[in-house]
Amino acid sequence: MKQHRIFHTPDELGKLARAGREAQKLALRAAAPQANVGPRFLSEFERGKPTAELAKVISAVNAAGLDLAVIKRPATKTGDADNSLPYSKRLNTEFPYDWSNSQMDAPVFIRNVLKAGRFNDVLKTVAYFGFDTVCNELPCVKDEATNNKIISMLLRIQKGMLLARCQQTTADHEGS
């Protein structure tokens, strides 16, 4: 069965490649020639070098026993009044998570909301991006206490979504 992992930073990709190399029991100096790169490049790449050359990155990833794929992101809701607005404005969050970067990518925005742990903002983020999309960013929250708090919030939100769905189904059946 194939396993897929979505990464959003050079650091995440480097760690993934290092894990793949180590799973093959390859030392850095032994893996570098197999990837047609030098040990220094491989070391820097695995530590998240943000300016790594793409062709060398692909070689290093392949040598680690991994493939690099590009996938289409799930579409965000259409029909927004203005998709050029920062997410904080679109969602009317209590805190402006993207105040310093109005072009912030959705995954980064979601992580910022999760790390802050404000229930109303997490709820608005789930409503906008969808439960699964928000949950996919949860592993990026490294602090265990914050992670547990967010999991509790997400469980409450999921319970509310299920209750609303059941009430709607009941109302639909009673109306027919």
N, C-alpha and C. Protein backbone atom coordinates (compact mmCIF):
# COMPACT_ATOMS: atom_id res chain seq x y z
N MET A 1 0.84 -1.18 0.00
CA MET A 1 0.00 0.00 0.00
C MET A 1 0.88 1.23 0.00
N LYS A 2 0.57 2.19 -0.85
CA LYS A 2 1.37 3.39 -0.96
C LYS A 2 1.02 4.36 0.16
N GLN A 3 2.03 5.02 0.68
CA GLN A 3 1.84 6.06 1.68
C GLN A 3 2.22 7.38 1.08
N HIS A 4 1.39 8.39 1.31
CA HIS A 4 1.67 9.72 0.80
C HIS A 4 1.85 10.66 1.97
N ARG A 5 2.71 11.61 1.80
CA ARG A 5 2.92 12.61 2.84
C ARG A 5 3.03 13.96 2.16
N ILE A 6 2.23 14.88 2.60
CA ILE A 6 2.28 16.23 2.05
C ILE A 6 3.18 17.05 2.96
N PHE A 7 4.10 17.78 2.34
CA PHE A 7 4.99 18.64 3.11
C PHE A 7 4.83 20.05 2.59
N HIS A 8 5.16 21.03 3.45
CA HIS A 8 4.97 22.42 3.07
C HIS A 8 6.24 23.25 3.22
N THR A 9 7.28 22.66 3.76
CA THR A 9 8.52 23.42 3.95
C THR A 9 9.71 22.59 3.51
N PRO A 10 10.81 23.25 3.17
CA PRO A 10 12.03 22.50 2.85
C PRO A 10 12.49 21.63 4.02
N ASP A 11 12.28 22.12 5.24
CA ASP A 11 12.67 21.36 6.42
C ASP A 11 11.91 20.03 6.51
N GLU A 12 10.60 20.07 6.24
CA GLU A 12 9.79 18.85 6.28
C GLU A 12 10.24 17.86 5.21
N LEU A 13 10.53 18.35 4.01
CA LEU A 13 10.99 17.48 2.93
C LEU A 13 12.35 16.88 3.26
N GLY A 14 13.23 17.69 3.81
CA GLY A 14 14.56 17.19 4.18
C GLY A 14 14.48 16.09 5.23
N LYS A 15 13.64 16.29 6.23
CA LYS A 15 13.47 15.28 7.28
C LYS A 15 12.90 13.98 6.70
N LEU A 16 11.97 14.12 5.78
CA LEU A 16 11.38 12.95 5.13
C LEU A 16 12.44 12.19 4.34
N ALA A 17 13.27 12.93 3.61
CA ALA A 17 14.34 12.29 2.82
C ALA A 17 15.37 11.62 3.75
N ARG A 18 15.71 12.28 4.84
CA ARG A 18 16.66 11.69 5.80
C ARG A 18 16.09 10.39 6.36
N ALA A 19 14.81 10.40 6.71
CA ALA A 19 14.18 9.18 7.24
C ALA A 19 14.21 8.06 6.21
N GLY A 20 13.97 8.40 4.94
CA GLY A 20 14.02 7.40 3.88
C GLY A 20 15.41 6.82 3.70
N ARG A 21 16.42 7.71 3.75
CA ARG A 21 17.81 7.26 3.62
C ARG A 21 18.17 6.36 4.80
N GLU A 22 17.82 6.78 6.00
CA GLU A 22 18.15 6.00 7.19
C GLU A 22 17.40 4.67 7.22
N ALA A 23 16.18 4.65 6.68
CA ALA A 23 15.42 3.40 6.61
C ALA A 23 16.12 2.38 5.71
N GLN A 24 16.89 2.89 4.74
CA GLN A 24 17.66 2.00 3.87
C GLN A 24 19.03 1.68 4.47
N LYS A 25 19.27 2.19 5.66
CA LYS A 25 20.54 1.97 6.38
C LYS A 25 21.72 2.51 5.57
N LEU A 26 21.51 3.66 4.93
CA LEU A 26 22.57 4.30 4.15
C LEU A 26 23.15 5.46 4.93
N ALA A 27 24.47 5.47 5.04
CA ALA A 27 25.14 6.62 5.64
C ALA A 27 25.11 7.77 4.65
N LEU A 28 25.26 8.98 5.14
CA LEU A 28 25.23 10.17 4.29
C LEU A 28 26.26 10.07 3.18
N ARG A 29 27.49 9.69 3.52
CA ARG A 29 28.56 9.61 2.52
C ARG A 29 28.33 8.50 1.49
N ALA A 30 27.62 7.45 1.86
CA ALA A 30 27.31 6.38 0.91
C ALA A 30 26.13 6.75 0.02
N ALA A 31 25.18 7.52 0.56
CA ALA A 31 23.98 7.88 -0.20
C ALA A 31 24.26 8.99 -1.22
N ALA A 32 25.17 9.89 -0.90
CA ALA A 32 25.42 11.04 -1.77
C ALA A 32 25.80 10.63 -3.20
N PRO A 33 26.77 9.72 -3.40
CA PRO A 33 27.09 9.33 -4.78
C PRO A 33 25.92 8.65 -5.50
N GLN A 34 25.11 7.90 -4.78
CA GLN A 34 23.95 7.27 -5.40
C GLN A 34 22.95 8.31 -5.91
N ALA A 35 22.93 9.46 -5.25
CA ALA A 35 22.02 10.54 -5.64
C ALA A 35 22.68 11.51 -6.63
N ASN A 36 23.93 11.23 -6.97
CA ASN A 36 24.69 12.13 -7.85
C ASN A 36 24.82 13.54 -7.26
N VAL A 37 24.98 13.60 -5.94
CA VAL A 37 25.20 14.87 -5.25
C VAL A 37 26.35 14.67 -4.28
N GLY A 38 26.86 15.76 -3.79
CA GLY A 38 27.93 15.69 -2.80
C GLY A 38 27.37 15.52 -1.39
N PRO A 39 28.19 15.02 -0.48
CA PRO A 39 27.73 14.84 0.90
C PRO A 39 27.29 16.16 1.55
N ARG A 40 27.98 17.24 1.21
CA ARG A 40 27.63 18.53 1.80
C ARG A 40 26.22 18.94 1.36
N PHE A 41 25.94 18.81 0.05
CA PHE A 41 24.60 19.14 -0.44
C PHE A 41 23.55 18.29 0.26
N LEU A 42 23.79 16.99 0.33
CA LEU A 42 22.82 16.07 0.93
C LEU A 42 22.57 16.44 2.39
N SER A 43 23.62 16.76 3.10
CA SER A 43 23.50 17.15 4.50
C SER A 43 22.66 18.43 4.63
N GLU A 44 22.97 19.43 3.80
CA GLU A 44 22.23 20.70 3.85
C GLU A 44 20.76 20.50 3.46
N PHE A 45 20.54 19.70 2.43
CA PHE A 45 19.17 19.43 2.00
C PHE A 45 18.37 18.75 3.11
N GLU A 46 18.95 17.74 3.74
CA GLU A 46 18.25 17.02 4.81
C GLU A 46 17.99 17.91 6.02
N ARG A 47 18.75 18.98 6.16
CA ARG A 47 18.53 19.93 7.26
C ARG A 47 17.59 21.07 6.84
N GLY A 48 17.04 20.99 5.62
CA GLY A 48 16.02 21.95 5.21
C GLY A 48 16.52 23.17 4.46
N LYS A 49 17.65 23.04 3.76
CA LYS A 49 18.17 24.18 3.01
C LYS A 49 17.10 24.72 2.06
N PRO A 50 16.67 25.98 2.22
CA PRO A 50 15.56 26.50 1.43
C PRO A 50 15.91 26.81 -0.03
N THR A 51 17.21 26.90 -0.34
CA THR A 51 17.60 27.27 -1.71
C THR A 51 18.21 26.11 -2.48
N ALA A 52 17.89 24.90 -2.09
CA ALA A 52 18.46 23.72 -2.74
C ALA A 52 18.01 23.65 -4.20
N GLU A 53 18.90 23.22 -5.07
CA GLU A 53 18.62 23.09 -6.49
C GLU A 53 17.63 21.95 -6.71
N LEU A 54 16.57 22.22 -7.46
CA LEU A 54 15.48 21.26 -7.62
C LEU A 54 15.94 19.92 -8.20
N ALA A 55 16.79 19.94 -9.23
CA ALA A 55 17.25 18.68 -9.83
C ALA A 55 17.99 17.83 -8.81
N LYS A 56 18.80 18.46 -7.98
CA LYS A 56 19.52 17.71 -6.95
C LYS A 56 18.57 17.21 -5.87
N VAL A 57 17.56 18.00 -5.54
CA VAL A 57 16.56 17.58 -4.55
C VAL A 57 15.86 16.31 -5.05
N ILE A 58 15.45 16.32 -6.31
CA ILE A 58 14.77 15.16 -6.87
C ILE A 58 15.67 13.93 -6.82
N SER A 59 16.95 14.10 -7.16
CA SER A 59 17.91 12.99 -7.09
C SER A 59 18.06 12.47 -5.67
N ALA A 60 18.16 13.38 -4.72
CA ALA A 60 18.32 12.98 -3.32
C ALA A 60 17.08 12.26 -2.81
N VAL A 61 15.91 12.75 -3.17
CA VAL A 61 14.67 12.12 -2.74
C VAL A 61 14.57 10.71 -3.35
N ASN A 62 14.88 10.59 -4.63
CA ASN A 62 14.82 9.28 -5.28
C ASN A 62 15.82 8.30 -4.67
N ALA A 63 17.02 8.78 -4.35
CA ALA A 63 18.03 7.92 -3.74
C ALA A 63 17.60 7.45 -2.35
N ALA A 64 16.73 8.24 -1.71
CA ALA A 64 16.22 7.86 -0.39
C ALA A 64 15.07 6.86 -0.50
N GLY A 65 14.78 6.43 -1.73
CA GLY A 65 13.72 5.45 -1.92
C GLY A 65 12.34 6.08 -1.96
N LEU A 66 12.30 7.37 -2.27
CA LEU A 66 11.03 8.09 -2.29
C LEU A 66 10.80 8.70 -3.67
N ASP A 67 9.57 9.02 -3.96
CA ASP A 67 9.23 9.75 -5.17
C ASP A 67 8.65 11.09 -4.75
N LEU A 68 8.88 12.07 -5.56
CA LEU A 68 8.35 13.40 -5.32
C LEU A 68 7.18 13.61 -6.27
N ALA A 69 6.04 14.02 -5.75
CA ALA A 69 4.86 14.22 -6.58
C ALA A 69 4.28 15.61 -6.34
N VAL A 70 3.62 16.12 -7.32
CA VAL A 70 2.91 17.38 -7.19
C VAL A 70 1.43 17.05 -7.31
N ILE A 71 0.66 17.50 -6.32
CA ILE A 71 -0.78 17.22 -6.35
C ILE A 71 -1.54 18.53 -6.28
N LYS A 72 -2.73 18.52 -6.82
CA LYS A 72 -3.57 19.70 -6.78
C LYS A 72 -4.16 19.84 -5.39
N ARG A 73 -4.10 21.04 -4.85
CA ARG A 73 -4.70 21.29 -3.54
C ARG A 73 -6.21 21.27 -3.67
N PRO A 74 -6.87 20.90 -2.59
CA PRO A 74 -8.34 20.96 -2.63
C PRO A 74 -8.76 22.41 -2.85
N ALA A 75 -9.79 22.59 -3.64
CA ALA A 75 -10.26 23.94 -3.93
C ALA A 75 -10.87 24.55 -2.68
N THR A 76 -10.61 25.83 -2.50
CA THR A 76 -11.28 26.54 -1.41
C THR A 76 -12.66 26.91 -1.89
N LYS A 77 -13.49 27.31 -0.97
CA LYS A 77 -14.86 27.64 -1.33
C LYS A 77 -14.89 28.75 -2.37
N THR A 78 -15.74 28.57 -3.35
CA THR A 78 -15.92 29.60 -4.36
C THR A 78 -17.07 30.49 -3.93
N GLY A 79 -17.19 31.59 -4.61
CA GLY A 79 -18.28 32.50 -4.30
C GLY A 79 -17.93 33.46 -3.19
N ASP A 80 -16.68 33.49 -2.73
CA ASP A 80 -16.29 34.48 -1.74
C ASP A 80 -16.45 35.86 -2.35
N ALA A 81 -16.78 36.81 -1.52
CA ALA A 81 -16.95 38.17 -2.01
C ALA A 81 -15.66 38.66 -2.66
N ASP A 82 -14.53 38.33 -2.04
CA ASP A 82 -13.25 38.78 -2.60
C ASP A 82 -12.15 37.81 -2.21
N ASN A 83 -11.74 36.96 -3.15
CA ASN A 83 -10.68 35.98 -2.87
C ASN A 83 -9.32 36.63 -2.69
N SER A 84 -9.19 37.91 -2.99
CA SER A 84 -7.91 38.57 -2.81
C SER A 84 -7.71 39.03 -1.36
N LEU A 85 -8.75 38.97 -0.56
CA LEU A 85 -8.63 39.35 0.85
C LEU A 85 -7.83 38.30 1.60
N PRO A 86 -7.08 38.73 2.62
CA PRO A 86 -6.40 37.74 3.47
C PRO A 86 -7.44 36.84 4.15
N TYR A 87 -7.02 35.64 4.49
CA TYR A 87 -7.95 34.68 5.11
C TYR A 87 -8.59 35.24 6.38
N SER A 88 -7.83 35.97 7.19
CA SER A 88 -8.39 36.52 8.44
C SER A 88 -9.60 37.40 8.15
N LYS A 89 -9.53 38.17 7.08
CA LYS A 89 -10.66 39.04 6.71
C LYS A 89 -11.80 38.22 6.12
N ARG A 90 -11.47 37.24 5.26
CA ARG A 90 -12.51 36.41 4.65
C ARG A 90 -13.30 35.64 5.69
N LEU A 91 -12.58 35.13 6.70
CA LEU A 91 -13.22 34.30 7.72
C LEU A 91 -13.71 35.11 8.91
N ASN A 92 -13.33 36.38 8.96
CA ASN A 92 -13.68 37.26 10.08
C ASN A 92 -13.20 36.67 11.41
N THR A 93 -11.93 36.27 11.44
CA THR A 93 -11.37 35.69 12.66
C THR A 93 -11.15 36.77 13.72
N GLU A 94 -11.08 36.34 14.97
CA GLU A 94 -10.89 37.28 16.07
C GLU A 94 -9.47 37.85 16.09
N PHE A 95 -8.53 37.12 15.51
CA PHE A 95 -7.13 37.55 15.49
C PHE A 95 -6.65 37.55 14.04
N PRO A 96 -5.87 38.56 13.63
CA PRO A 96 -5.39 38.62 12.24
C PRO A 96 -4.11 37.79 12.04
N TYR A 97 -4.27 36.50 11.85
CA TYR A 97 -3.13 35.59 11.75
C TYR A 97 -2.21 35.89 10.58
N ASP A 98 -2.74 36.52 9.56
CA ASP A 98 -1.95 36.80 8.35
C ASP A 98 -1.72 38.30 8.18
N TRP A 99 -1.69 39.04 9.28
CA TRP A 99 -1.53 40.49 9.19
C TRP A 99 -0.21 40.90 8.54
N SER A 100 0.83 40.12 8.73
CA SER A 100 2.13 40.49 8.17
C SER A 100 2.36 39.87 6.79
N ASN A 101 1.43 39.01 6.35
CA ASN A 101 1.58 38.36 5.06
C ASN A 101 0.19 38.11 4.48
N SER A 102 -0.32 39.07 3.74
CA SER A 102 -1.68 38.96 3.22
C SER A 102 -1.80 37.89 2.13
N GLN A 103 -0.67 37.38 1.63
CA GLN A 103 -0.68 36.34 0.60
C GLN A 103 -0.36 34.96 1.19
N MET A 104 -0.56 34.81 2.48
CA MET A 104 -0.22 33.57 3.18
C MET A 104 -0.96 32.39 2.57
N ASP A 105 -0.25 31.27 2.39
CA ASP A 105 -0.86 30.03 1.89
C ASP A 105 -1.83 29.49 2.93
N ALA A 106 -2.84 28.78 2.44
CA ALA A 106 -3.86 28.21 3.33
C ALA A 106 -3.27 27.31 4.41
N PRO A 107 -2.34 26.37 4.09
CA PRO A 107 -1.82 25.49 5.15
C PRO A 107 -1.11 26.28 6.26
N VAL A 108 -0.39 27.32 5.90
CA VAL A 108 0.31 28.12 6.91
C VAL A 108 -0.71 28.87 7.77
N PHE A 109 -1.72 29.42 7.13
CA PHE A 109 -2.77 30.10 7.87
C PHE A 109 -3.45 29.15 8.86
N ILE A 110 -3.80 27.96 8.38
CA ILE A 110 -4.47 26.97 9.23
C ILE A 110 -3.58 26.63 10.43
N ARG A 111 -2.29 26.41 10.19
CA ARG A 111 -1.36 26.08 11.29
C ARG A 111 -1.31 27.22 12.30
N ASN A 112 -1.28 28.46 11.82
CA ASN A 112 -1.25 29.61 12.74
C ASN A 112 -2.50 29.64 13.61
N VAL A 113 -3.65 29.37 13.01
CA VAL A 113 -4.91 29.34 13.77
C VAL A 113 -4.86 28.23 14.81
N LEU A 114 -4.41 27.05 14.40
CA LEU A 114 -4.35 25.92 15.32
C LEU A 114 -3.41 26.20 16.49
N LYS A 115 -2.24 26.74 16.19
CA LYS A 115 -1.26 27.03 17.24
C LYS A 115 -1.78 28.05 18.25
N ALA A 116 -2.60 29.01 17.78
CA ALA A 116 -3.16 30.02 18.69
C ALA A 116 -4.23 29.41 19.59
N GLY A 117 -4.96 28.41 19.08
CA GLY A 117 -5.91 27.68 19.91
C GLY A 117 -7.15 28.45 20.31
N ARG A 118 -7.59 29.42 19.52
CA ARG A 118 -8.82 30.15 19.81
C ARG A 118 -9.98 29.37 19.18
N PHE A 119 -10.90 28.91 20.03
CA PHE A 119 -11.96 28.02 19.55
C PHE A 119 -12.76 28.62 18.40
N ASN A 120 -13.21 29.87 18.55
CA ASN A 120 -14.04 30.47 17.50
C ASN A 120 -13.30 30.55 16.17
N ASP A 121 -12.00 30.83 16.22
CA ASP A 121 -11.23 30.91 14.98
C ASP A 121 -11.01 29.52 14.38
N VAL A 122 -10.80 28.52 15.23
CA VAL A 122 -10.66 27.15 14.74
C VAL A 122 -11.98 26.72 14.10
N LEU A 123 -13.09 27.06 14.72
CA LEU A 123 -14.41 26.72 14.18
C LEU A 123 -14.63 27.37 12.81
N LYS A 124 -14.29 28.65 12.68
CA LYS A 124 -14.44 29.35 11.40
C LYS A 124 -13.53 28.74 10.33
N THR A 125 -12.34 28.32 10.75
CA THR A 125 -11.39 27.73 9.82
C THR A 125 -11.90 26.37 9.33
N VAL A 126 -12.46 25.58 10.22
CA VAL A 126 -13.03 24.29 9.83
C VAL A 126 -14.21 24.52 8.88
N ALA A 127 -15.05 25.50 9.18
CA ALA A 127 -16.20 25.78 8.33
C ALA A 127 -15.76 26.20 6.93
N TYR A 128 -14.67 26.93 6.83
CA TYR A 128 -14.21 27.44 5.54
C TYR A 128 -13.44 26.39 4.73
N PHE A 129 -12.45 25.75 5.38
CA PHE A 129 -11.56 24.83 4.67
C PHE A 129 -12.03 23.38 4.71
N GLY A 130 -12.87 23.04 5.67
CA GLY A 130 -13.31 21.66 5.84
C GLY A 130 -12.54 20.98 6.96
N PHE A 131 -13.22 20.06 7.61
CA PHE A 131 -12.66 19.37 8.78
C PHE A 131 -11.38 18.62 8.44
N ASP A 132 -11.39 17.85 7.36
CA ASP A 132 -10.22 17.04 7.00
C ASP A 132 -9.01 17.90 6.67
N THR A 133 -9.21 18.99 5.95
CA THR A 133 -8.10 19.87 5.59
C THR A 133 -7.45 20.44 6.84
N VAL A 134 -8.26 20.86 7.80
CA VAL A 134 -7.71 21.41 9.05
C VAL A 134 -6.99 20.32 9.83
N CYS A 135 -7.59 19.14 9.91
CA CYS A 135 -6.96 18.03 10.65
C CYS A 135 -5.63 17.61 10.03
N ASN A 136 -5.49 17.76 8.73
CA ASN A 136 -4.22 17.41 8.06
C ASN A 136 -3.07 18.29 8.52
N GLU A 137 -3.36 19.47 9.04
CA GLU A 137 -2.30 20.37 9.51
C GLU A 137 -1.97 20.15 10.98
N LEU A 138 -2.74 19.35 11.67
CA LEU A 138 -2.54 19.12 13.10
C LEU A 138 -1.15 18.58 13.45
N PRO A 139 -0.57 17.67 12.65
CA PRO A 139 0.78 17.17 13.00
C PRO A 139 1.85 18.27 13.02
N CYS A 140 1.58 19.40 12.42
CA CYS A 140 2.56 20.50 12.41
C CYS A 140 2.60 21.23 13.74
N VAL A 141 1.62 20.99 14.61
CA VAL A 141 1.61 21.60 15.94
C VAL A 141 2.43 20.69 16.85
N LYS A 142 3.62 21.14 17.20
CA LYS A 142 4.56 20.28 17.92
C LYS A 142 4.38 20.27 19.44
N ASP A 143 3.82 21.34 20.00
CA ASP A 143 3.65 21.43 21.45
C ASP A 143 2.53 20.49 21.89
N GLU A 144 2.85 19.56 22.78
CA GLU A 144 1.90 18.52 23.16
C GLU A 144 0.66 19.09 23.84
N ALA A 145 0.84 20.08 24.72
CA ALA A 145 -0.31 20.66 25.42
C ALA A 145 -1.24 21.36 24.43
N THR A 146 -0.67 22.13 23.53
CA THR A 146 -1.47 22.82 22.51
C THR A 146 -2.15 21.80 21.61
N ASN A 147 -1.42 20.76 21.23
CA ASN A 147 -1.97 19.71 20.38
C ASN A 147 -3.18 19.06 21.04
N ASN A 148 -3.07 18.74 22.32
CA ASN A 148 -4.18 18.11 23.04
C ASN A 148 -5.38 19.05 23.11
N LYS A 149 -5.12 20.34 23.32
CA LYS A 149 -6.19 21.34 23.38
C LYS A 149 -6.91 21.41 22.03
N ILE A 150 -6.15 21.39 20.96
CA ILE A 150 -6.73 21.48 19.62
C ILE A 150 -7.53 20.22 19.29
N ILE A 151 -6.99 19.06 19.67
CA ILE A 151 -7.72 17.81 19.43
C ILE A 151 -9.06 17.85 20.15
N SER A 152 -9.08 18.35 21.37
CA SER A 152 -10.33 18.48 22.12
C SER A 152 -11.31 19.40 21.39
N MET A 153 -10.79 20.52 20.87
CA MET A 153 -11.64 21.45 20.11
C MET A 153 -12.20 20.78 18.87
N LEU A 154 -11.33 20.10 18.13
CA LEU A 154 -11.76 19.45 16.90
C LEU A 154 -12.79 18.36 17.16
N LEU A 155 -12.64 17.65 18.26
CA LEU A 155 -13.64 16.63 18.62
C LEU A 155 -14.98 17.28 18.93
N ARG A 156 -14.96 18.42 19.63
CA ARG A 156 -16.21 19.14 19.91
C ARG A 156 -16.86 19.63 18.62
N ILE A 157 -16.03 20.14 17.72
CA ILE A 157 -16.55 20.63 16.44
C ILE A 157 -17.14 19.47 15.64
N GLN A 158 -16.42 18.34 15.61
CA GLN A 158 -16.91 17.18 14.88
C GLN A 158 -18.22 16.67 15.47
N LYS A 159 -18.31 16.65 16.78
CA LYS A 159 -19.55 16.22 17.43
C LYS A 159 -20.70 17.15 17.05
N GLY A 160 -20.43 18.44 17.05
CA GLY A 160 -21.46 19.40 16.65
C GLY A 160 -21.89 19.22 15.20
N MET A 161 -20.92 18.95 14.33
CA MET A 161 -21.25 18.71 12.92
C MET A 161 -22.13 17.47 12.76
N LEU A 162 -21.80 16.41 13.50
CA LEU A 162 -22.58 15.17 13.43
C LEU A 162 -23.99 15.38 13.97
N LEU A 163 -24.10 16.10 15.09
CA LEU A 163 -25.43 16.38 15.65
C LEU A 163 -26.27 17.20 14.68
N ALA A 164 -25.65 18.19 14.06
CA ALA A 164 -26.38 19.03 13.09
C ALA A 164 -26.84 18.19 11.91
N ARG A 165 -25.97 17.29 11.45
CA ARG A 165 -26.33 16.42 10.32
C ARG A 165 -27.50 15.50 10.70
N CYS A 166 -27.46 14.95 11.92
CA CYS A 166 -28.55 14.07 12.37
C CYS A 166 -29.86 14.85 12.49
N GLN A 167 -29.79 16.06 13.04
CA GLN A 167 -31.00 16.87 13.17
C GLN A 167 -31.56 17.22 11.80
N GLN A 168 -30.69 17.52 10.85
CA GLN A 168 -31.14 17.84 9.50
C GLN A 168 -31.80 16.63 8.85
N THR A 169 -31.19 15.45 9.03
CA THR A 169 -31.76 14.22 8.46
C THR A 169 -33.13 13.94 9.07
N THR A 170 -33.25 14.13 10.38
CA THR A 170 -34.53 13.92 11.06
C THR A 170 -35.57 14.89 10.53
N ALA A 171 -35.19 16.14 10.38
CA ALA A 171 -36.13 17.15 9.87
C ALA A 171 -36.53 16.84 8.43
N ASP A 172 -35.59 16.36 7.63
CA ASP A 172 -35.90 16.00 6.24
C ASP A 172 -36.90 14.85 6.20
N HIS A 173 -36.73 13.84 7.09
CA HIS A 173 -37.63 12.68 7.11
C HIS A 173 -39.02 13.08 7.61
N GLU A 174 -39.06 13.96 8.58
CA GLU A 174 -40.36 14.38 9.12
C GLU A 174 -41.13 15.24 8.10
N GLY A 175 -40.36 15.97 7.25
CA GLY A 175 -40.97 16.83 6.26
C GLY A 175 -41.51 16.09 5.05
N SER A 176 -41.08 14.82 4.86
CA SER A 176 -41.53 14.08 3.67
C SER A 176 -42.78 13.28 3.93
